[in-house]
C-alpha atoms as a PDB file:
ATOM      1  CA  MET A   1       4.562  19.181 -19.086  1.00  0.00           C
ATOM      2  CA  ASP A   2       3.366  22.583 -20.241  1.00  0.00           C
ATOM      3  CA  GLU A   3       1.743  24.216 -17.186  1.00  0.00           C
ATOM      4  CA  ARG A   4      -0.808  25.818 -19.530  1.00  0.00           C
ATOM      5  CA  GLU A   5      -1.879  22.428 -20.857  1.00  0.00           C
ATOM      6  CA  ILE A   6      -5.508  21.509 -20.269  1.00  0.00           C
ATOM      7  CA  LEU A   7      -5.894  17.845 -19.323  1.00  0.00           C
ATOM      8  CA  ALA A   8      -9.045  15.901 -20.119  1.00  0.00           C
ATOM      9  CA  ALA A   9     -10.143  12.277 -20.360  1.00  0.00           C
ATOM     10  CA  GLY A  10     -12.876  10.276 -22.018  1.00  0.00           C
ATOM     11  CA  ALA A  11     -13.799   6.953 -23.578  1.00  0.00           C
ATOM     12  CA  VAL A  12     -15.045   5.334 -26.739  1.00  0.00           C
ATOM     13  CA  VAL A  13     -17.860   3.289 -25.222  1.00  0.00           C
ATOM     14  CA  SER A  14     -19.155   0.330 -27.196  1.00  0.00           C
ATOM     15  CA  ARG A  15     -21.803  -2.366 -27.016  1.00  0.00           C
ATOM     16  CA  LYS A  16     -22.974  -5.236 -29.175  1.00  0.00           C
ATOM     17  CA  GLY A  17     -24.062  -4.274 -32.629  1.00  0.00           C
ATOM     18  CA  PRO A  18     -21.379  -3.077 -32.782  1.00  0.00           C
ATOM     19  CA  GLN A  19     -22.323   0.429 -31.667  1.00  0.00           C
ATOM     20  CA  VAL A  20     -20.475   3.341 -30.058  1.00  0.00           C
ATOM     21  CA  LEU A  21     -21.838   6.019 -27.738  1.00  0.00           C
ATOM     22  CA  LEU A  22     -21.789   9.600 -29.054  1.00  0.00           C
ATOM     23  CA  ILE A  23     -22.868  12.914 -27.539  1.00  0.00           C
ATOM     24  CA  HIS A  24     -24.104  16.147 -29.126  1.00  0.00           C
ATOM     25  CA  ARG A  25     -22.893  19.431 -27.634  1.00  0.00           C
ATOM     26  CA  PRO A  26     -25.190  22.365 -28.432  1.00  0.00           C
ATOM     27  CA  LYS A  27     -22.487  24.957 -27.688  1.00  0.00           C
ATOM     28  CA  TYR A  28     -20.389  23.645 -30.582  1.00  0.00           C
ATOM     29  CA  ASP A  29     -23.178  21.875 -32.528  1.00  0.00           C
ATOM     30  CA  ASP A  30     -20.958  18.814 -32.861  1.00  0.00           C
ATOM     31  CA  TRP A  31     -21.055  15.060 -32.313  1.00  0.00           C
ATOM     32  CA  SER A  32     -18.132  13.622 -30.384  1.00  0.00           C
ATOM     33  CA  PHE A  33     -17.130  11.092 -27.753  1.00  0.00           C
ATOM     34  CA  PRO A  34     -17.891  11.797 -24.075  1.00  0.00           C
ATOM     35  CA  LYS A  35     -14.971  13.480 -22.342  1.00  0.00           C
ATOM     36  CA  GLY A  36     -14.164  16.289 -19.930  1.00  0.00           C
ATOM     37  CA  LYS A  37     -11.502  18.066 -17.909  1.00  0.00           C
ATOM     38  CA  LEU A  38      -9.837  16.496 -14.900  1.00  0.00           C
ATOM     39  CA  ASP A  39     -10.818  17.853 -11.502  1.00  0.00           C
ATOM     40  CA  PRO A  40      -7.900  19.153  -9.370  1.00  0.00           C
ATOM     41  CA  GLY A  41      -5.864  16.179  -8.166  1.00  0.00           C
ATOM     42  CA  GLU A  42      -7.980  13.696 -10.130  1.00  0.00           C
ATOM     43  CA  HIS A  43      -6.364  10.807 -11.990  1.00  0.00           C
ATOM     44  CA  ALA A  44      -7.145  10.557 -15.700  1.00  0.00           C
ATOM     45  CA  VAL A  45      -8.596   7.036 -15.475  1.00  0.00           C
ATOM     46  CA  ALA A  46     -11.050   8.135 -12.797  1.00  0.00           C
ATOM     47  CA  ALA A  47     -11.923  11.251 -14.788  1.00  0.00           C
ATOM     48  CA  ALA A  48     -12.698   9.212 -17.914  1.00  0.00           C
ATOM     49  CA  VAL A  49     -15.228   7.052 -16.053  1.00  0.00           C
ATOM     50  CA  ARG A  50     -16.752  10.018 -14.221  1.00  0.00           C
ATOM     51  CA  GLU A  51     -17.156  12.117 -17.360  1.00  0.00           C
ATOM     52  CA  VAL A  52     -18.879   9.340 -19.286  1.00  0.00           C
ATOM     53  CA  ALA A  53     -21.330   8.839 -16.425  1.00  0.00           C
ATOM     54  CA  GLU A  54     -22.014  12.578 -16.091  1.00  0.00           C
ATOM     55  CA  GLU A  55     -22.462  13.189 -19.817  1.00  0.00           C
ATOM     56  CA  THR A  56     -24.390  10.050 -20.778  1.00  0.00           C
ATOM     57  CA  GLY A  57     -25.741   8.419 -17.614  1.00  0.00           C
ATOM     58  CA  VAL A  58     -23.906   5.183 -18.500  1.00  0.00           C
ATOM     59  CA  ASP A  59     -21.533   3.592 -15.977  1.00  0.00           C
ATOM     60  CA  ILE A  60     -18.484   1.989 -17.580  1.00  0.00           C
ATOM     61  CA  ARG A  61     -15.257   0.185 -16.896  1.00  0.00           C
ATOM     62  CA  LEU A  62     -12.139   0.926 -18.886  1.00  0.00           C
ATOM     63  CA  GLY A  63     -10.524  -1.327 -21.446  1.00  0.00           C
ATOM     64  CA  PRO A  64      -7.304  -0.751 -23.410  1.00  0.00           C
ATOM     65  CA  PRO A  65      -5.929   2.786 -23.775  1.00  0.00           C
ATOM     66  CA  LEU A  66      -6.316   4.661 -27.045  1.00  0.00           C
ATOM     67  CA  PRO A  67      -4.023   7.373 -28.479  1.00  0.00           C
ATOM     68  CA  ASP A  68      -4.121  10.799 -26.864  1.00  0.00           C
ATOM     69  CA  GLN A  69      -5.679  13.730 -28.699  1.00  0.00           C
ATOM     70  CA  THR A  70      -3.625  16.931 -28.672  1.00  0.00           C
ATOM     71  CA  TYR A  71      -4.781  20.265 -30.064  1.00  0.00           C
ATOM     72  CA  THR A  72      -5.055  23.939 -29.126  1.00  0.00           C
ATOM     73  CA  VAL A  73      -8.124  25.697 -27.755  1.00  0.00           C
ATOM     74  CA  GLY A  74      -9.144  29.223 -26.821  1.00  0.00           C
ATOM     75  CA  ASN A  75      -9.914  32.563 -28.372  1.00  0.00           C
ATOM     76  CA  GLY A  76      -6.958  34.901 -28.698  1.00  0.00           C
ATOM     77  CA  THR A  77      -4.616  33.210 -26.213  1.00  0.00           C
ATOM     78  CA  LEU A  78      -4.350  29.604 -27.345  1.00  0.00           C
ATOM     79  CA  ARG A  79      -3.667  26.803 -24.872  1.00  0.00           C
ATOM     80  CA  PRO A  80      -2.634  23.219 -25.581  1.00  0.00           C
ATOM     81  CA  LYS A  81      -5.157  20.541 -24.667  1.00  0.00           C
ATOM     82  CA  ARG A  82      -4.507  16.843 -24.239  1.00  0.00           C
ATOM     83  CA  VAL A  83      -7.322  14.310 -24.026  1.00  0.00           C
ATOM     84  CA  ARG A  84      -6.594  10.776 -22.880  1.00  0.00           C
ATOM     85  CA  TYR A  85      -8.937   8.074 -24.161  1.00  0.00           C
ATOM     86  CA  TRP A  86      -9.735   4.471 -23.335  1.00  0.00           C
ATOM     87  CA  VAL A  87     -12.064   1.844 -24.684  1.00  0.00           C
ATOM     88  CA  GLY A  88     -15.123   1.764 -22.415  1.00  0.00           C
ATOM     89  CA  ARG A  89     -17.580  -1.049 -21.668  1.00  0.00           C
ATOM     90  CA  PRO A  90     -20.991  -0.469 -20.036  1.00  0.00           C
ATOM     91  CA  MET A  91     -21.527  -1.895 -16.575  1.00  0.00           C
ATOM     92  CA  GLY A  92     -25.212  -2.517 -16.051  1.00  0.00           C
ATOM     93  CA  ASP A  93     -27.925  -0.564 -17.857  1.00  0.00           C
ATOM     94  CA  ASP A  94     -26.801   1.045 -21.130  1.00  0.00           C
ATOM     95  CA  ASP A  95     -30.196   2.468 -22.139  1.00  0.00           C
ATOM     96  CA  VAL A  96     -29.950   6.198 -22.984  1.00  0.00           C
ATOM     97  CA  SER A  97     -33.540   6.674 -24.158  1.00  0.00           C
ATOM     98  CA  THR A  98     -34.474   8.503 -20.936  1.00  0.00           C
ATOM     99  CA  TYR A  99     -31.463  10.841 -21.000  1.00  0.00           C
ATOM    100  CA  ARG A 100     -32.403  14.398 -19.996  1.00  0.00           C
ATOM    101  CA  PRO A 101     -30.839  17.074 -22.242  1.00  0.00           C
ATOM    102  CA  ASN A 102     -28.918  19.909 -20.609  1.00  0.00           C
ATOM    103  CA  ALA A 103     -26.866  22.932 -21.624  1.00  0.00           C
ATOM    104  CA  GLU A 104     -23.686  20.902 -22.131  1.00  0.00           C
ATOM    105  CA  VAL A 105     -25.057  17.742 -23.772  1.00  0.00           C
ATOM    106  CA  ASP A 106     -28.474  17.814 -25.400  1.00  0.00           C
ATOM    107  CA  ASP A 107     -28.431  14.402 -27.092  1.00  0.00           C
ATOM    108  CA  VAL A 108     -26.863  11.002 -26.484  1.00  0.00           C
ATOM    109  CA  ALA A 109     -27.065   8.177 -29.004  1.00  0.00           C
ATOM    110  CA  TRP A 110     -25.816   4.678 -29.678  1.00  0.00           C
ATOM    111  CA  VAL A 111     -24.598   4.753 -33.274  1.00  0.00           C
ATOM    112  CA  ASP A 112     -23.751   1.790 -35.486  1.00  0.00           C
ATOM    113  CA  LEU A 113     -20.005   1.548 -35.909  1.00  0.00           C
ATOM    114  CA  ASP A 114     -20.216   1.792 -39.699  1.00  0.00           C
ATOM    115  CA  LYS A 115     -22.192   5.056 -39.407  1.00  0.00           C
ATOM    116  CA  ALA A 116     -20.214   6.679 -36.584  1.00  0.00           C
ATOM    117  CA  ARG A 117     -17.441   7.945 -38.858  1.00  0.00           C
ATOM    118  CA  ARG A 118     -19.914  10.040 -40.841  1.00  0.00           C
ATOM    119  CA  LYS A 119     -21.722  11.300 -37.756  1.00  0.00           C
ATOM    120  CA  LEU A 120     -18.571  12.457 -35.922  1.00  0.00           C
ATOM    121  CA  SER A 121     -17.868  16.143 -36.530  1.00  0.00           C
ATOM    122  CA  HIS A 122     -14.060  16.203 -36.128  1.00  0.00           C
ATOM    123  CA  ASP A 123     -11.218  14.449 -37.915  1.00  0.00           C
ATOM    124  CA  HIS A 124      -9.334  13.880 -34.646  1.00  0.00           C
ATOM    125  CA  ASP A 125     -12.316  11.889 -33.367  1.00  0.00           C
ATOM    126  CA  ARG A 126     -12.237   9.769 -36.501  1.00  0.00           C
ATOM    127  CA  VAL A 127      -8.595   8.973 -35.745  1.00  0.00           C
ATOM    128  CA  ILE A 128      -9.630   7.790 -32.283  1.00  0.00           C
ATOM    129  CA  LEU A 129     -12.429   5.734 -33.856  1.00  0.00           C
ATOM    130  CA  ASP A 130      -9.896   4.022 -36.137  1.00  0.00           C
ATOM    131  CA  ALA A 131      -7.728   3.166 -33.125  1.00  0.00           C
ATOM    132  CA  PHE A 132     -10.763   1.839 -31.279  1.00  0.00           C
ATOM    133  CA  THR A 133     -11.755  -0.348 -34.245  1.00  0.00           C
ATOM    134  CA  ALA A 134      -8.345  -2.046 -34.081  1.00  0.00           C
ATOM    135  CA  VAL A 135      -8.843  -3.137 -30.424  1.00  0.00           C
ATOM    136  CA  ARG A 136     -12.625  -3.160 -30.006  1.00  0.00           C
ATOM    137  CA  ARG A 137     -12.959  -6.857 -29.141  1.00  0.00           C
ATOM    138  CA  ARG A 138     -13.694  -7.345 -25.451  1.00  0.00           C
ATOM    139  CA  SER A 139     -10.673  -7.847 -23.188  1.00  0.00           C
ATOM    140  CA  THR A 140     -10.148  -8.186 -19.430  1.00  0.00           C
ATOM    141  CA  PRO A 141      -7.835  -6.106 -17.220  1.00  0.00           C
ATOM    142  CA  LEU A 142      -5.330  -7.597 -14.769  1.00  0.00           C
ATOM    143  CA  LEU A 143      -3.880  -4.920 -12.482  1.00  0.00           C
ATOM    144  CA  VAL A 144      -0.457  -5.713 -11.010  1.00  0.00           C
ATOM    145  CA  VAL A 145       0.091  -3.398  -8.035  1.00  0.00           C
ATOM    146  CA  ARG A 146       3.263  -2.831  -6.020  1.00  0.00           C
ATOM    147  CA  HIS A 147       2.317  -2.273  -2.390  1.00  0.00           C
ATOM    148  CA  GLY A 148       2.310   1.277  -1.040  1.00  0.00           C
ATOM    149  CA  LYS A 149       5.130   2.863   0.912  1.00  0.00           C
ATOM    150  CA  ALA A 150       5.828   0.873   4.070  1.00  0.00           C
ATOM    151  CA  GLU A 151       7.492   1.639   7.381  1.00  0.00           C
ATOM    152  CA  PRO A 152      11.300   1.380   6.916  1.00  0.00           C
ATOM    153  CA  ARG A 153      12.849  -2.031   7.575  1.00  0.00           C
ATOM    154  CA  LYS A 154      15.561  -0.504   9.766  1.00  0.00           C
ATOM    155  CA  THR A 155      13.033   0.884  12.236  1.00  0.00           C
ATOM    156  CA  TRP A 156      10.727  -2.166  12.305  1.00  0.00           C
ATOM    157  CA  ARG A 157      11.481  -4.674  15.058  1.00  0.00           C
ATOM    158  CA  GLY A 158       8.822  -7.314  14.414  1.00  0.00           C
ATOM    159  CA  ASP A 159       8.193  -9.979  11.772  1.00  0.00           C
ATOM    160  CA  ASP A 160       8.766  -8.349   8.384  1.00  0.00           C
ATOM    161  CA  ARG A 161       5.562  -9.932   7.097  1.00  0.00           C
ATOM    162  CA  GLU A 162       3.714  -7.768   9.615  1.00  0.00           C
ATOM    163  CA  ARG A 163       5.501  -4.524   8.676  1.00  0.00           C
ATOM    164  CA  PRO A 164       2.729  -1.965   8.027  1.00  0.00           C
ATOM    165  CA  LEU A 165       2.238   0.797   5.520  1.00  0.00           C
ATOM    166  CA  SER A 166       3.582   4.204   6.417  1.00  0.00           C
ATOM    167  CA  PRO A 167       1.173   7.163   6.587  1.00  0.00           C
ATOM    168  CA  ALA A 168       2.193   7.968   2.991  1.00  0.00           C
ATOM    169  CA  GLY A 169       1.415   4.371   2.002  1.00  0.00           C
ATOM    170  CA  GLU A 170      -2.000   4.535   3.654  1.00  0.00           C
ATOM    171  CA  LEU A 171      -2.740   7.625   1.584  1.00  0.00           C
ATOM    172  CA  GLN A 172      -1.668   5.757  -1.555  1.00  0.00           C
ATOM    173  CA  SER A 173      -4.019   2.894  -0.693  1.00  0.00           C
ATOM    174  CA  ASP A 174      -6.914   5.370  -0.543  1.00  0.00           C
ATOM    175  CA  GLU A 175      -5.855   6.980  -3.823  1.00  0.00           C
ATOM    176  CA  LEU A 176      -5.888   3.565  -5.519  1.00  0.00           C
ATOM    177  CA  VAL A 177      -9.620   3.125  -4.864  1.00  0.00           C
ATOM    178  CA  PRO A 178     -10.937   5.136  -7.856  1.00  0.00           C
ATOM    179  CA  LEU A 179      -8.263   3.644 -10.125  1.00  0.00           C
ATOM    180  CA  LEU A 180      -9.259   0.064  -9.371  1.00  0.00           C
ATOM    181  CA  ALA A 181     -12.912   1.063  -9.652  1.00  0.00           C
ATOM    182  CA  ALA A 182     -12.280   2.527 -13.110  1.00  0.00           C
ATOM    183  CA  TYR A 183     -11.281  -0.944 -14.363  1.00  0.00           C
ATOM    184  CA  GLY A 184     -14.184  -2.655 -12.592  1.00  0.00           C
ATOM    185  CA  VAL A 185     -12.000  -4.880 -10.397  1.00  0.00           C
ATOM    186  CA  ARG A 186     -14.076  -7.741  -8.907  1.00  0.00           C
ATOM    187  CA  ARG A 187     -11.314 -10.044  -7.669  1.00  0.00           C
ATOM    188  CA  ILE A 188      -8.277  -9.374  -5.468  1.00  0.00           C
ATOM    189  CA  VAL A 189      -5.225 -11.611  -5.024  1.00  0.00           C
ATOM    190  CA  SER A 190      -2.535 -10.319  -2.646  1.00  0.00           C
ATOM    191  CA  SER A 191       0.629 -11.330  -0.880  1.00  0.00           C
ATOM    192  CA  SER A 192      -0.243 -12.269   2.693  1.00  0.00           C
ATOM    193  CA  SER A 193       2.223  -9.684   4.010  1.00  0.00           C
ATOM    194  CA  ARG A 194       0.416  -6.854   5.785  1.00  0.00           C
ATOM    195  CA  ARG A 195       1.841  -4.044   3.624  1.00  0.00           C
ATOM    196  CA  CYS A 196       0.383  -5.731   0.528  1.00  0.00           C
ATOM    197  CA  TRP A 197      -3.140  -6.670   1.531  1.00  0.00           C
ATOM    198  CA  THR A 198      -3.654  -3.369   3.346  1.00  0.00           C
ATOM    199  CA  THR A 199      -2.769  -1.570   0.104  1.00  0.00           C
ATOM    200  CA  LEU A 200      -5.917  -3.012  -1.489  1.00  0.00           C
ATOM    201  CA  ALA A 201      -8.074  -3.209   1.642  1.00  0.00           C
ATOM    202  CA  PRO A 202      -9.757   0.215   1.148  1.00  0.00           C
ATOM    203  CA  TYR A 203     -10.912  -0.799  -2.321  1.00  0.00           C
ATOM    204  CA  ALA A 204     -12.050  -4.227  -1.130  1.00  0.00           C
ATOM    205  CA  HIS A 205     -14.153  -2.554   1.555  1.00  0.00           C
ATOM    206  CA  THR A 206     -15.576   0.119  -0.756  1.00  0.00           C
ATOM    207  CA  ALA A 207     -16.390  -2.264  -3.622  1.00  0.00           C
ATOM    208  CA  ASP A 208     -17.454  -5.178  -1.381  1.00  0.00           C
ATOM    209  CA  VAL A 209     -14.886  -7.507  -2.966  1.00  0.00           C
ATOM    210  CA  ASP A 210     -13.324 -10.444  -1.115  1.00  0.00           C
ATOM    211  CA  LEU A 211      -9.639  -9.901  -0.382  1.00  0.00           C
ATOM    212  CA  GLY A 212      -7.759 -13.125  -1.106  1.00  0.00           C
ATOM    213  CA  VAL A 213      -4.225 -13.543   0.275  1.00  0.00           C
ATOM    214  CA  THR A 214      -1.494 -16.068  -0.432  1.00  0.00           C
ATOM    215  CA  ASP A 215       2.030 -16.753   0.846  1.00  0.00           C
ATOM    216  CA  ALA A 216       2.999 -17.560  -2.754  1.00  0.00           C
ATOM    217  CA  LEU A 217       3.348 -13.823  -3.547  1.00  0.00           C
ATOM    218  CA  THR A 218       5.424 -12.845  -0.476  1.00  0.00           C
ATOM    219  CA  GLU A 219       9.056 -11.775  -0.673  1.00  0.00           C
ATOM    220  CA  GLU A 220      10.016 -14.758   1.458  1.00  0.00           C
ATOM    221  CA  ASP A 221       8.221 -17.488  -0.505  1.00  0.00           C
ATOM    222  CA  ALA A 222       7.715 -16.319  -4.085  1.00  0.00           C
ATOM    223  CA  ASP A 223       9.611 -17.932  -6.938  1.00  0.00           C
ATOM    224  CA  ASP A 224       8.872 -18.625 -10.593  1.00  0.00           C
ATOM    225  CA  GLY A 225       6.937 -21.749  -9.697  1.00  0.00           C
ATOM    226  CA  THR A 226       4.658 -20.249  -7.057  1.00  0.00           C
ATOM    227  CA  VAL A 227       4.015 -17.147  -9.140  1.00  0.00           C
ATOM    228  CA  THR A 228       3.184 -19.157 -12.253  1.00  0.00           C
ATOM    229  CA  GLU A 229       0.740 -21.220 -10.184  1.00  0.00           C
ATOM    230  CA  VAL A 230      -0.993 -18.054  -8.926  1.00  0.00           C
ATOM    231  CA  LEU A 231      -1.153 -16.633 -12.444  1.00  0.00           C
ATOM    232  CA  HIS A 232      -2.530 -19.859 -13.879  1.00  0.00           C
ATOM    233  CA  GLY A 233      -6.029 -19.117 -15.001  1.00  0.00           C
ATOM    234  CA  LEU A 234      -5.902 -15.356 -14.479  1.00  0.00           C
ATOM    235  CA  LEU A 235      -5.060 -14.708 -18.117  1.00  0.00           C
ATOM    236  CA  THR A 236      -8.036 -16.750 -19.266  1.00  0.00           C
ATOM    237  CA  SER A 237     -10.433 -15.337 -16.674  1.00  0.00           C
ATOM    238  CA  LYS A 238     -13.021 -12.741 -17.673  1.00  0.00           C
ATOM    239  CA  THR A 239     -13.091 -11.255 -14.156  1.00  0.00           C
ATOM    240  CA  PRO A 240     -11.198  -7.942 -13.783  1.00  0.00           C
ATOM    241  CA  THR A 241      -8.544  -8.698 -11.158  1.00  0.00           C
ATOM    242  CA  ALA A 242      -6.029  -6.785  -9.039  1.00  0.00           C
ATOM    243  CA  LEU A 243      -2.879  -8.509  -7.761  1.00  0.00           C
ATOM    244  CA  CYS A 244      -0.654  -6.895  -5.125  1.00  0.00           C
ATOM    245  CA  THR A 245       2.900  -7.930  -4.340  1.00  0.00           C
ATOM    246  CA  HIS A 246       6.433  -6.686  -3.560  1.00  0.00           C
ATOM    247  CA  ARG A 247       9.121  -4.978  -5.623  1.00  0.00           C
ATOM    248  CA  PRO A 248      11.290  -8.131  -5.980  1.00  0.00           C
ATOM    249  CA  VAL A 249       8.246 -10.223  -6.941  1.00  0.00           C
ATOM    250  CA  VAL A 250       6.771  -7.843  -9.536  1.00  0.00           C
ATOM    251  CA  PRO A 251       9.278  -8.932 -12.256  1.00  0.00           C
ATOM    252  CA  LEU A 252       8.366 -12.597 -11.628  1.00  0.00           C
ATOM    253  CA  VAL A 253       4.667 -11.785 -12.049  1.00  0.00           C
ATOM    254  CA  LEU A 254       5.193  -9.765 -15.207  1.00  0.00           C
ATOM    255  CA  ARG A 255       7.484 -12.408 -16.677  1.00  0.00           C
ATOM    256  CA  ALA A 256       4.801 -15.039 -16.065  1.00  0.00           C
ATOM    257  CA  ILE A 257       2.369 -12.817 -17.965  1.00  0.00           C
ATOM    258  CA  GLY A 258       4.841 -12.152 -20.775  1.00  0.00           C
ATOM    259  CA  VAL A 259       5.589  -8.498 -19.980  1.00  0.00           C
ATOM    260  CA  THR A 260       9.141  -7.258 -19.379  1.00  0.00           C
ATOM    261  CA  ASN A 261      11.198  -4.086 -18.859  1.00  0.00           C
ATOM    262  CA  ILE A 262       8.742  -2.414 -16.468  1.00  0.00           C
ATOM    263  CA  SER A 263       9.559  -1.204 -12.962  1.00  0.00           C
ATOM    264  CA  LEU A 264       7.083   0.146 -10.434  1.00  0.00           C
ATOM    265  CA  ASP A 265       7.363   2.703  -7.665  1.00  0.00           C
ATOM    266  CA  PRO A 266       5.505   2.024  -4.400  1.00  0.00           C
ATOM    267  CA  GLY A 267       1.746   2.212  -4.976  1.00  0.00           C
ATOM    268  CA  ALA A 268       2.072   2.132  -8.769  1.00  0.00           C
ATOM    269  CA  MET A 269       0.486  -0.428 -11.067  1.00  0.00           C
ATOM    270  CA  VAL A 270       0.666  -2.066 -14.473  1.00  0.00           C
ATOM    271  CA  VAL A 271      -2.644  -2.769 -16.212  1.00  0.00           C
ATOM    272  CA  VAL A 272      -2.420  -5.776 -18.515  1.00  0.00           C
ATOM    273  CA  HIS A 273      -5.399  -6.117 -20.871  1.00  0.00           C
ATOM    274  CA  HIS A 274      -5.782  -9.705 -22.065  1.00  0.00           C
ATOM    275  CA  ARG A 275      -8.061 -11.720 -24.285  1.00  0.00           C
ATOM    276  CA  ARG A 276      -8.112 -15.517 -24.526  1.00  0.00           C
ATOM    277  CA  GLY A 277      -4.720 -15.806 -22.867  1.00  0.00           C
ATOM    278  CA  GLN A 278      -3.050 -13.162 -25.047  1.00  0.00           C
ATOM    279  CA  VAL A 279      -1.897  -9.721 -23.921  1.00  0.00           C
ATOM    280  CA  VAL A 280      -3.485  -7.046 -26.122  1.00  0.00           C
ATOM    281  CA  ALA A 281      -2.368  -3.856 -24.334  1.00  0.00           C
ATOM    282  CA  VAL A 282      -0.284  -2.699 -21.376  1.00  0.00           C
ATOM    283  CA  GLU A 283      -0.406   0.594 -19.494  1.00  0.00           C
ATOM    284  CA  GLN A 284       1.269   1.912 -16.365  1.00  0.00           C
ATOM    285  CA  HIS A 285      -0.043   4.290 -13.687  1.00  0.00           C
ATOM    286  CA  ALA A 286       1.218   5.904 -10.483  1.00  0.00           C
ATOM    287  CA  VAL A 287      -0.776   7.473  -7.674  1.00  0.00           C
END
């Protein structure tokens, strides 16, 4: 990656109508989608949700990813800029009528989808709008997480099911919190092994979500049958869900979903966006 590259993230937020959420920036006198630069050490998915909330007052969860925008910015010395986008769905109140203008954003508006193309000021935003239109129907995320880094097997003397996360793994579990929050996770299904459920425990505590565990996702007990049974219903559920398991079990889970050729490092995740039992998009993230 170019060290000079500016990284930013945002979302095309939609609601029934259909309508999309646009902002007006007085500095540039333009209409665009809400977006902004990543804070130091911030993950792009967390930045996208944060920026939408800061610029519009609307809390969202992320849907399928959209194509990146890449262009150059600056006066004199030009720097590359890359903006990552997702579909966004409001969580709770989506009323922007009481928005207070400021120096960065002086107007926020829900715009009918058929009028948004004309209102947008930039061609690259119209490209993003076209991509959004292709996937705008509501979908649900299923996050498949490989547990964080654990204490080495060779130094652990107890039951392997009780083997804990290492300090690095505990840090990964904390770093997962804003990522799971960005997708609005409201259900957790985990292997009953300690290194798995403790990977998602910080999020469960923060978001006040029940942490469900099952032996069917453990290294010792998982097979195609048990995994398929656990996955039964998840792909037709409308509840954003996170599932945590082990490296050898991840391929069984993904195969049951219909996703192949993906491997995960400790603490990493695959986000499978599904609608009516069909996978509509897949993305992969590390912490």
